[in-house]
Amino acid sequence: MASKGQKFRTHPVDFKVSVVKEYLNDSTLSLAALARKYDLNTGLLWQWIHQFKTTGIPVTRQSGRPRKDGKPINTASHDTISMGNEK
């Protein structure tokens, strides 16, 4: 649970993609070592990797309460990021 007055860090999408690609492309690098390198929580890094593998897009999260009209809060579209191994 968050403490009163706690500040949360946000990470840009391009940073998330670069960290995930670094993990996926370097087989000698462990998840914990990469998390230490970038001062990230291993659970957060695992979420990014899992989301990237399953959907192909970087982790984005909508914040706030859903709108009553059913439209998404953030209307920005996300392009899928290719791993470079697709033909």
PDB file of N, CA and C in Angstrom:
ATOM      1  N   MET A   1       0.843  -1.175   0.000  1.00  0.00           N
ATOM      2  CA  MET A   1       0.000   0.000   0.000  1.00  0.00           C
ATOM      3  C   MET A   1       0.885   1.234   0.000  1.00  0.00           C
ATOM      4  N   ALA A   2       0.454   2.241  -0.658  1.00  0.00           N
ATOM      5  CA  ALA A   2       1.223   3.468  -0.772  1.00  0.00           C
ATOM      6  C   ALA A   2       1.173   4.260   0.528  1.00  0.00           C
ATOM      7  N   SER A   3       2.285   4.875   0.828  1.00  0.00           N
ATOM      8  CA  SER A   3       2.353   5.727   2.010  1.00  0.00           C
ATOM      9  C   SER A   3       1.838   7.119   1.680  1.00  0.00           C
ATOM     10  N   LYS A   4       1.416   7.845   2.680  1.00  0.00           N
ATOM     11  CA  LYS A   4       0.922   9.194   2.483  1.00  0.00           C
ATOM     12  C   LYS A   4       2.057  10.064   1.950  1.00  0.00           C
ATOM     13  N   GLY A   5       1.789  10.764   0.868  1.00  0.00           N
ATOM     14  CA  GLY A   5       2.777  11.653   0.287  1.00  0.00           C
ATOM     15  C   GLY A   5       3.808  10.959  -0.595  1.00  0.00           C
ATOM     16  N   GLN A   6       3.645   9.664  -0.836  1.00  0.00           N
ATOM     17  CA  GLN A   6       4.603   8.917  -1.634  1.00  0.00           C
ATOM     18  C   GLN A   6       4.536   9.359  -3.089  1.00  0.00           C
ATOM     19  N   LYS A   7       5.685   9.510  -3.714  1.00  0.00           N
ATOM     20  CA  LYS A   7       5.763   9.874  -5.126  1.00  0.00           C
ATOM     21  C   LYS A   7       5.970   8.613  -5.950  1.00  0.00           C
ATOM     22  N   PHE A   8       5.266   8.486  -7.041  1.00  0.00           N
ATOM     23  CA  PHE A   8       5.402   7.344  -7.930  1.00  0.00           C
ATOM     24  C   PHE A   8       6.190   7.773  -9.159  1.00  0.00           C
ATOM     25  N   ARG A   9       7.097   6.898  -9.581  1.00  0.00           N
ATOM     26  CA  ARG A   9       7.884   7.185 -10.769  1.00  0.00           C
ATOM     27  C   ARG A   9       7.128   6.717 -12.002  1.00  0.00           C
ATOM     28  N   THR A  10       7.213   7.494 -13.052  1.00  0.00           N
ATOM     29  CA  THR A  10       6.659   7.081 -14.333  1.00  0.00           C
ATOM     30  C   THR A  10       7.814   6.949 -15.314  1.00  0.00           C
ATOM     31  N   HIS A  11       7.694   6.010 -16.216  1.00  0.00           N
ATOM     32  CA  HIS A  11       8.752   5.745 -17.176  1.00  0.00           C
ATOM     33  C   HIS A  11       8.193   5.927 -18.579  1.00  0.00           C
ATOM     34  N   PRO A  12       8.926   6.630 -19.448  1.00  0.00           N
ATOM     35  CA  PRO A  12       8.458   6.799 -20.826  1.00  0.00           C
ATOM     36  C   PRO A  12       8.402   5.459 -21.566  1.00  0.00           C
ATOM     37  N   VAL A  13       7.543   5.371 -22.537  1.00  0.00           N
ATOM     38  CA  VAL A  13       7.343   4.139 -23.283  1.00  0.00           C
ATOM     39  C   VAL A  13       8.631   3.701 -23.972  1.00  0.00           C
ATOM     40  N   ASP A  14       9.388   4.645 -24.547  1.00  0.00           N
ATOM     41  CA  ASP A  14      10.614   4.260 -25.246  1.00  0.00           C
ATOM     42  C   ASP A  14      11.646   3.669 -24.287  1.00  0.00           C
ATOM     43  N   PHE A  15      11.662   4.131 -23.028  1.00  0.00           N
ATOM     44  CA  PHE A  15      12.546   3.546 -22.021  1.00  0.00           C
ATOM     45  C   PHE A  15      12.130   2.109 -21.725  1.00  0.00           C
ATOM     46  N   LYS A  16      10.825   1.887 -21.566  1.00  0.00           N
ATOM     47  CA  LYS A  16      10.312   0.543 -21.287  1.00  0.00           C
ATOM     48  C   LYS A  16      10.669  -0.421 -22.412  1.00  0.00           C
ATOM     49  N   VAL A  17      10.474   0.024 -23.641  1.00  0.00           N
ATOM     50  CA  VAL A  17      10.762  -0.829 -24.795  1.00  0.00           C
ATOM     51  C   VAL A  17      12.246  -1.152 -24.858  1.00  0.00           C
ATOM     52  N   SER A  18      13.100  -0.167 -24.604  1.00  0.00           N
ATOM     53  CA  SER A  18      14.544  -0.420 -24.676  1.00  0.00           C
ATOM     54  C   SER A  18      14.996  -1.400 -23.593  1.00  0.00           C
ATOM     55  N   VAL A  19      14.440  -1.298 -22.393  1.00  0.00           N
ATOM     56  CA  VAL A  19      14.803  -2.216 -21.311  1.00  0.00           C
ATOM     57  C   VAL A  19      14.316  -3.627 -21.627  1.00  0.00           C
ATOM     58  N   VAL A  20      13.103  -3.749 -22.116  1.00  0.00           N
ATOM     59  CA  VAL A  20      12.555  -5.066 -22.449  1.00  0.00           C
ATOM     60  C   VAL A  20      13.348  -5.706 -23.586  1.00  0.00           C
ATOM     61  N   LYS A  21      13.669  -4.934 -24.616  1.00  0.00           N
ATOM     62  CA  LYS A  21      14.445  -5.477 -25.731  1.00  0.00           C
ATOM     63  C   LYS A  21      15.842  -5.882 -25.279  1.00  0.00           C
ATOM     64  N   GLU A  22      16.427  -5.117 -24.361  1.00  0.00           N
ATOM     65  CA  GLU A  22      17.742  -5.482 -23.837  1.00  0.00           C
ATOM     66  C   GLU A  22      17.673  -6.834 -23.134  1.00  0.00           C
ATOM     67  N   TYR A  23      16.626  -7.065 -22.369  1.00  0.00           N
ATOM     68  CA  TYR A  23      16.459  -8.342 -21.672  1.00  0.00           C
ATOM     69  C   TYR A  23      16.248  -9.485 -22.660  1.00  0.00           C
ATOM     70  N   LEU A  24      15.411  -9.263 -23.661  1.00  0.00           N
ATOM     71  CA  LEU A  24      15.089 -10.329 -24.605  1.00  0.00           C
ATOM     72  C   LEU A  24      16.246 -10.648 -25.547  1.00  0.00           C
ATOM     73  N   ASN A  25      17.071  -9.667 -25.852  1.00  0.00           N
ATOM     74  CA  ASN A  25      18.174  -9.883 -26.793  1.00  0.00           C
ATOM     75  C   ASN A  25      19.451 -10.394 -26.132  1.00  0.00           C
ATOM     76  N   ASP A  26      19.621 -10.187 -24.829  1.00  0.00           N
ATOM     77  CA  ASP A  26      20.838 -10.605 -24.138  1.00  0.00           C
ATOM     78  C   ASP A  26      20.514 -11.797 -23.242  1.00  0.00           C
ATOM     79  N   SER A  27      20.896 -12.995 -23.693  1.00  0.00           N
ATOM     80  CA  SER A  27      20.548 -14.208 -22.949  1.00  0.00           C
ATOM     81  C   SER A  27      21.380 -14.386 -21.681  1.00  0.00           C
ATOM     82  N   THR A  28      22.478 -13.631 -21.541  1.00  0.00           N
ATOM     83  CA  THR A  28      23.325 -13.774 -20.351  1.00  0.00           C
ATOM     84  C   THR A  28      22.870 -12.872 -19.211  1.00  0.00           C
ATOM     85  N   LEU A  29      21.962 -11.953 -19.482  1.00  0.00           N
ATOM     86  CA  LEU A  29      21.523 -10.978 -18.486  1.00  0.00           C
ATOM     87  C   LEU A  29      20.300 -11.502 -17.748  1.00  0.00           C
ATOM     88  N   SER A  30      20.397 -11.552 -16.417  1.00  0.00           N
ATOM     89  CA  SER A  30      19.247 -12.018 -15.640  1.00  0.00           C
ATOM     90  C   SER A  30      18.280 -10.867 -15.396  1.00  0.00           C
ATOM     91  N   LEU A  31      17.073 -11.227 -15.039  1.00  0.00           N
ATOM     92  CA  LEU A  31      16.046 -10.231 -14.755  1.00  0.00           C
ATOM     93  C   LEU A  31      16.462  -9.361 -13.568  1.00  0.00           C
ATOM     94  N   ALA A  32      17.007  -9.986 -12.533  1.00  0.00           N
ATOM     95  CA  ALA A  32      17.425  -9.242 -11.346  1.00  0.00           C
ATOM     96  C   ALA A  32      18.581  -8.293 -11.662  1.00  0.00           C
ATOM     97  N   ALA A  33      19.523  -8.734 -12.505  1.00  0.00           N
ATOM     98  CA  ALA A  33      20.656  -7.880 -12.860  1.00  0.00           C
ATOM     99  C   ALA A  33      20.195  -6.670 -13.657  1.00  0.00           C
ATOM    100  N   LEU A  34      19.260  -6.878 -14.567  1.00  0.00           N
ATOM    101  CA  LEU A  34      18.734  -5.763 -15.344  1.00  0.00           C
ATOM    102  C   LEU A  34      17.949  -4.801 -14.459  1.00  0.00           C
ATOM    103  N   ALA A  35      17.187  -5.331 -13.514  1.00  0.00           N
ATOM    104  CA  ALA A  35      16.435  -4.485 -12.587  1.00  0.00           C
ATOM    105  C   ALA A  35      17.388  -3.637 -11.740  1.00  0.00           C
ATOM    106  N   ARG A  36      18.489  -4.233 -11.291  1.00  0.00           N
ATOM    107  CA  ARG A  36      19.480  -3.460 -10.522  1.00  0.00           C
ATOM    108  C   ARG A  36      20.139  -2.385 -11.383  1.00  0.00           C
ATOM    109  N   LYS A  37      20.421  -2.739 -12.631  1.00  0.00           N
ATOM    110  CA  LYS A  37      21.094  -1.808 -13.542  1.00  0.00           C
ATOM    111  C   LYS A  37      20.278  -0.528 -13.723  1.00  0.00           C
ATOM    112  N   TYR A  38      18.967  -0.668 -13.851  1.00  0.00           N
ATOM    113  CA  TYR A  38      18.101   0.484 -14.088  1.00  0.00           C
ATOM    114  C   TYR A  38      17.330   0.933 -12.846  1.00  0.00           C
ATOM    115  N   ASP A  39      17.647   0.360 -11.698  1.00  0.00           N
ATOM    116  CA  ASP A  39      16.980   0.702 -10.440  1.00  0.00           C
ATOM    117  C   ASP A  39      15.460   0.531 -10.557  1.00  0.00           C
ATOM    118  N   LEU A  40      15.056  -0.670 -10.996  1.00  0.00           N
ATOM    119  CA  LEU A  40      13.649  -1.003 -11.144  1.00  0.00           C
ATOM    120  C   LEU A  40      13.304  -2.177 -10.247  1.00  0.00           C
ATOM    121  N   ASN A  41      12.047  -2.311  -9.932  1.00  0.00           N
ATOM    122  CA  ASN A  41      11.548  -3.453  -9.197  1.00  0.00           C
ATOM    123  C   ASN A  41      11.450  -4.632 -10.168  1.00  0.00           C
ATOM    124  N   THR A  42      11.874  -5.817  -9.734  1.00  0.00           N
ATOM    125  CA  THR A  42      11.838  -6.979 -10.623  1.00  0.00           C
ATOM    126  C   THR A  42      10.410  -7.330 -11.044  1.00  0.00           C
ATOM    127  N   GLY A  43       9.452  -7.125 -10.146  1.00  0.00           N
ATOM    128  CA  GLY A  43       8.052  -7.396 -10.481  1.00  0.00           C
ATOM    129  C   GLY A  43       7.548  -6.465 -11.578  1.00  0.00           C
ATOM    130  N   LEU A  44       7.948  -5.209 -11.512  1.00  0.00           N
ATOM    131  CA  LEU A  44       7.556  -4.243 -12.535  1.00  0.00           C
ATOM    132  C   LEU A  44       8.173  -4.620 -13.880  1.00  0.00           C
ATOM    133  N   LEU A  45       9.447  -4.974 -13.841  1.00  0.00           N
ATOM    134  CA  LEU A  45      10.131  -5.374 -15.067  1.00  0.00           C
ATOM    135  C   LEU A  45       9.494  -6.636 -15.660  1.00  0.00           C
ATOM    136  N   TRP A  46       9.121  -7.580 -14.816  1.00  0.00           N
ATOM    137  CA  TRP A  46       8.450  -8.790 -15.288  1.00  0.00           C
ATOM    138  C   TRP A  46       7.119  -8.449 -15.953  1.00  0.00           C
ATOM    139  N   GLN A  47       6.369  -7.502 -15.392  1.00  0.00           N
ATOM    140  CA  GLN A  47       5.103  -7.084 -15.989  1.00  0.00           C
ATOM    141  C   GLN A  47       5.330  -6.506 -17.381  1.00  0.00           C
ATOM    142  N   TRP A  48       6.349  -5.662 -17.515  1.00  0.00           N
ATOM    143  CA  TRP A  48       6.652  -5.070 -18.815  1.00  0.00           C
ATOM    144  C   TRP A  48       6.968  -6.159 -19.836  1.00  0.00           C
ATOM    145  N   ILE A  49       7.798  -7.131 -19.441  1.00  0.00           N
ATOM    146  CA  ILE A  49       8.220  -8.193 -20.350  1.00  0.00           C
ATOM    147  C   ILE A  49       7.026  -9.062 -20.743  1.00  0.00           C
ATOM    148  N   HIS A  50       6.208  -9.427 -19.766  1.00  0.00           N
ATOM    149  CA  HIS A  50       5.036 -10.258 -20.032  1.00  0.00           C
ATOM    150  C   HIS A  50       4.069  -9.540 -20.979  1.00  0.00           C
ATOM    151  N   GLN A  51       3.798  -8.278 -20.723  1.00  0.00           N
ATOM    152  CA  GLN A  51       2.893  -7.501 -21.573  1.00  0.00           C
ATOM    153  C   GLN A  51       3.463  -7.391 -22.987  1.00  0.00           C
ATOM    154  N   PHE A  52       4.748  -7.164 -23.093  1.00  0.00           N
ATOM    155  CA  PHE A  52       5.390  -7.016 -24.392  1.00  0.00           C
ATOM    156  C   PHE A  52       5.332  -8.322 -25.181  1.00  0.00           C
ATOM    157  N   LYS A  53       5.536  -9.443 -24.490  1.00  0.00           N
ATOM    158  CA  LYS A  53       5.499 -10.741 -25.173  1.00  0.00           C
ATOM    159  C   LYS A  53       4.082 -11.110 -25.604  1.00  0.00           C
ATOM    160  N   THR A  54       3.093 -10.807 -24.787  1.00  0.00           N
ATOM    161  CA  THR A  54       1.725 -11.242 -25.092  1.00  0.00           C
ATOM    162  C   THR A  54       1.018 -10.322 -26.086  1.00  0.00           C
ATOM    163  N   THR A  55       1.204  -9.018 -25.967  1.00  0.00           N
ATOM    164  CA  THR A  55       0.464  -8.095 -26.833  1.00  0.00           C
ATOM    165  C   THR A  55       1.331  -7.387 -27.857  1.00  0.00           C
ATOM    166  N   GLY A  56       2.632  -7.331 -27.635  1.00  0.00           N
ATOM    167  CA  GLY A  56       3.515  -6.661 -28.575  1.00  0.00           C
ATOM    168  C   GLY A  56       3.588  -5.161 -28.386  1.00  0.00           C
ATOM    169  N   ILE A  57       2.871  -4.653 -27.409  1.00  0.00           N
ATOM    170  CA  ILE A  57       2.931  -3.217 -27.150  1.00  0.00           C
ATOM    171  C   ILE A  57       3.541  -2.989 -25.775  1.00  0.00           C
ATOM    172  N   PRO A  58       4.152  -1.853 -25.578  1.00  0.00           N
ATOM    173  CA  PRO A  58       4.701  -1.568 -24.263  1.00  0.00           C
ATOM    174  C   PRO A  58       3.594  -1.400 -23.229  1.00  0.00           C
ATOM    175  N   VAL A  59       3.973  -1.525 -21.999  1.00  0.00           N
ATOM    176  CA  VAL A  59       2.999  -1.427 -20.922  1.00  0.00           C
ATOM    177  C   VAL A  59       2.475  -0.004 -20.820  1.00  0.00           C
ATOM    178  N   THR A  60       1.193   0.124 -20.945  1.00  0.00           N
ATOM    179  CA  THR A  60       0.521   1.403 -20.704  1.00  0.00           C
ATOM    180  C   THR A  60      -0.666   1.097 -19.815  1.00  0.00           C
ATOM    181  N   ARG A  61      -0.963   1.985 -18.948  1.00  0.00           N
ATOM    182  CA  ARG A  61      -2.046   1.751 -18.012  1.00  0.00           C
ATOM    183  C   ARG A  61      -2.946   2.961 -18.000  1.00  0.00           C
ATOM    184  N   GLN A  62      -4.234   2.734 -18.110  1.00  0.00           N
ATOM    185  CA  GLN A  62      -5.171   3.831 -17.997  1.00  0.00           C
ATOM    186  C   GLN A  62      -5.403   4.094 -16.525  1.00  0.00           C
ATOM    187  N   SER A  63      -5.324   5.332 -16.165  1.00  0.00           N
ATOM    188  CA  SER A  63      -5.592   5.663 -14.780  1.00  0.00           C
ATOM    189  C   SER A  63      -6.943   6.365 -14.690  1.00  0.00           C
ATOM    190  N   GLY A  64      -7.522   6.276 -13.541  1.00  0.00           N
ATOM    191  CA  GLY A  64      -8.795   6.943 -13.333  1.00  0.00           C
ATOM    192  C   GLY A  64      -9.978   6.010 -13.519  1.00  0.00           C
ATOM    193  N   ARG A  65     -11.117   6.537 -13.249  1.00  0.00           N
ATOM    194  CA  ARG A  65     -12.350   5.781 -13.339  1.00  0.00           C
ATOM    195  C   ARG A  65     -12.809   5.718 -14.792  1.00  0.00           C
ATOM    196  N   PRO A  66     -13.370   4.577 -15.211  1.00  0.00           N
ATOM    197  CA  PRO A  66     -13.866   4.477 -16.589  1.00  0.00           C
ATOM    198  C   PRO A  66     -14.978   5.487 -16.854  1.00  0.00           C
ATOM    199  N   ARG A  67     -15.043   5.943 -18.078  1.00  0.00           N
ATOM    200  CA  ARG A  67     -16.074   6.912 -18.440  1.00  0.00           C
ATOM    201  C   ARG A  67     -17.421   6.219 -18.576  1.00  0.00           C
ATOM    202  N   LYS A  68     -18.488   6.966 -18.321  1.00  0.00           N
ATOM    203  CA  LYS A  68     -19.828   6.397 -18.404  1.00  0.00           C
ATOM    204  C   LYS A  68     -20.241   6.082 -19.830  1.00  0.00           C
ATOM    205  N   ASP A  69     -19.713   6.835 -20.797  1.00  0.00           N
ATOM    206  CA  ASP A  69     -20.107   6.610 -22.178  1.00  0.00           C
ATOM    207  C   ASP A  69     -19.355   5.453 -22.828  1.00  0.00           C
ATOM    208  N   GLY A  70     -18.426   4.830 -22.101  1.00  0.00           N
ATOM    209  CA  GLY A  70     -17.725   3.657 -22.596  1.00  0.00           C
ATOM    210  C   GLY A  70     -16.505   3.951 -23.443  1.00  0.00           C
ATOM    211  N   LYS A  71     -16.252   5.226 -23.748  1.00  0.00           N
ATOM    212  CA  LYS A  71     -15.073   5.566 -24.536  1.00  0.00           C
ATOM    213  C   LYS A  71     -13.831   5.448 -23.656  1.00  0.00           C
ATOM    214  N   PRO A  72     -12.703   5.087 -24.255  1.00  0.00           N
ATOM    215  CA  PRO A  72     -11.476   5.002 -23.454  1.00  0.00           C
ATOM    216  C   PRO A  72     -11.027   6.382 -22.977  1.00  0.00           C
ATOM    217  N   ILE A  73     -10.338   6.391 -21.844  1.00  0.00           N
ATOM    218  CA  ILE A  73      -9.862   7.647 -21.277  1.00  0.00           C
ATOM    219  C   ILE A  73      -8.775   8.249 -22.159  1.00  0.00           C
ATOM    220  N   ASN A  74      -7.807   7.413 -22.542  1.00  0.00           N
ATOM    221  CA  ASN A  74      -6.718   7.862 -23.389  1.00  0.00           C
ATOM    222  C   ASN A  74      -6.992   7.359 -24.792  1.00  0.00           C
ATOM    223  N   THR A  75      -7.175   8.273 -25.737  1.00  0.00           N
ATOM    224  CA  THR A  75      -7.529   7.869 -27.089  1.00  0.00           C
ATOM    225  C   THR A  75      -6.314   7.692 -27.980  1.00  0.00           C
ATOM    226  N   ALA A  76      -5.106   7.827 -27.428  1.00  0.00           N
ATOM    227  CA  ALA A  76      -3.900   7.637 -28.237  1.00  0.00           C
ATOM    228  C   ALA A  76      -3.785   6.182 -28.646  1.00  0.00           C
ATOM    229  N   SER A  77      -3.484   5.951 -29.911  1.00  0.00           N
ATOM    230  CA  SER A  77      -3.347   4.572 -30.376  1.00  0.00           C
ATOM    231  C   SER A  77      -1.921   4.104 -30.164  1.00  0.00           C
ATOM    232  N   HIS A  78      -1.772   2.816 -29.983  1.00  0.00           N
ATOM    233  CA  HIS A  78      -0.461   2.215 -29.763  1.00  0.00           C
ATOM    234  C   HIS A  78      -0.131   1.328 -30.949  1.00  0.00           C
ATOM    235  N   ASP A  79       1.025   1.574 -31.547  1.00  0.00           N
ATOM    236  CA  ASP A  79       1.484   0.716 -32.634  1.00  0.00           C
ATOM    237  C   ASP A  79       2.222  -0.455 -32.023  1.00  0.00           C
ATOM    238  N   THR A  80       2.094  -1.602 -32.655  1.00  0.00           N
ATOM    239  CA  THR A  80       2.827  -2.756 -32.143  1.00  0.00           C
ATOM    240  C   THR A  80       4.295  -2.590 -32.478  1.00  0.00           C
ATOM    241  N   ILE A  81       5.124  -3.000 -31.561  1.00  0.00           N
ATOM    242  CA  ILE A  81       6.561  -2.906 -31.720  1.00  0.00           C
ATOM    243  C   ILE A  81       7.052  -4.251 -32.231  1.00  0.00           C
ATOM    244  N   SER A  82       7.765  -4.239 -33.344  1.00  0.00           N
ATOM    245  CA  SER A  82       8.239  -5.519 -33.865  1.00  0.00           C
ATOM    246  C   SER A  82       9.544  -5.898 -33.195  1.00  0.00           C
ATOM    247  N   MET A  83       9.723  -7.178 -33.021  1.00  0.00           N
ATOM    248  CA  MET A  83      10.941  -7.703 -32.410  1.00  0.00           C
ATOM    249  C   MET A  83      12.070  -7.811 -33.426  1.00  0.00           C
ATOM    250  N   GLY A  84      11.779  -7.619 -34.706  1.00  0.00           N
ATOM    251  CA  GLY A  84      12.793  -7.725 -35.725  1.00  0.00           C
ATOM    252  C   GLY A  84      12.936  -9.127 -36.280  1.00  0.00           C
ATOM    253  N   ASN A  85      12.227 -10.106 -35.715  1.00  0.00           N
ATOM    254  CA  ASN A  85      12.349 -11.468 -36.205  1.00  0.00           C
ATOM    255  C   ASN A  85      11.132 -11.887 -37.022  1.00  0.00           C
ATOM    256  N   GLU A  86      10.169 -11.003 -37.249  1.00  0.00           N
ATOM    257  CA  GLU A  86       9.033 -11.317 -38.067  1.00  0.00           C
ATOM    258  C   GLU A  86       9.401 -11.092 -39.531  1.00  0.00           C
ATOM    259  N   LYS A  87       8.754 -11.842 -40.417  1.00  0.00           N
ATOM    260  CA  LYS A  87       9.052 -11.692 -41.849  1.00  0.00           C
ATOM    261  C   LYS A  87       7.941 -10.981 -42.553  1.00  0.00           C
TER     262      LYS A  87
END
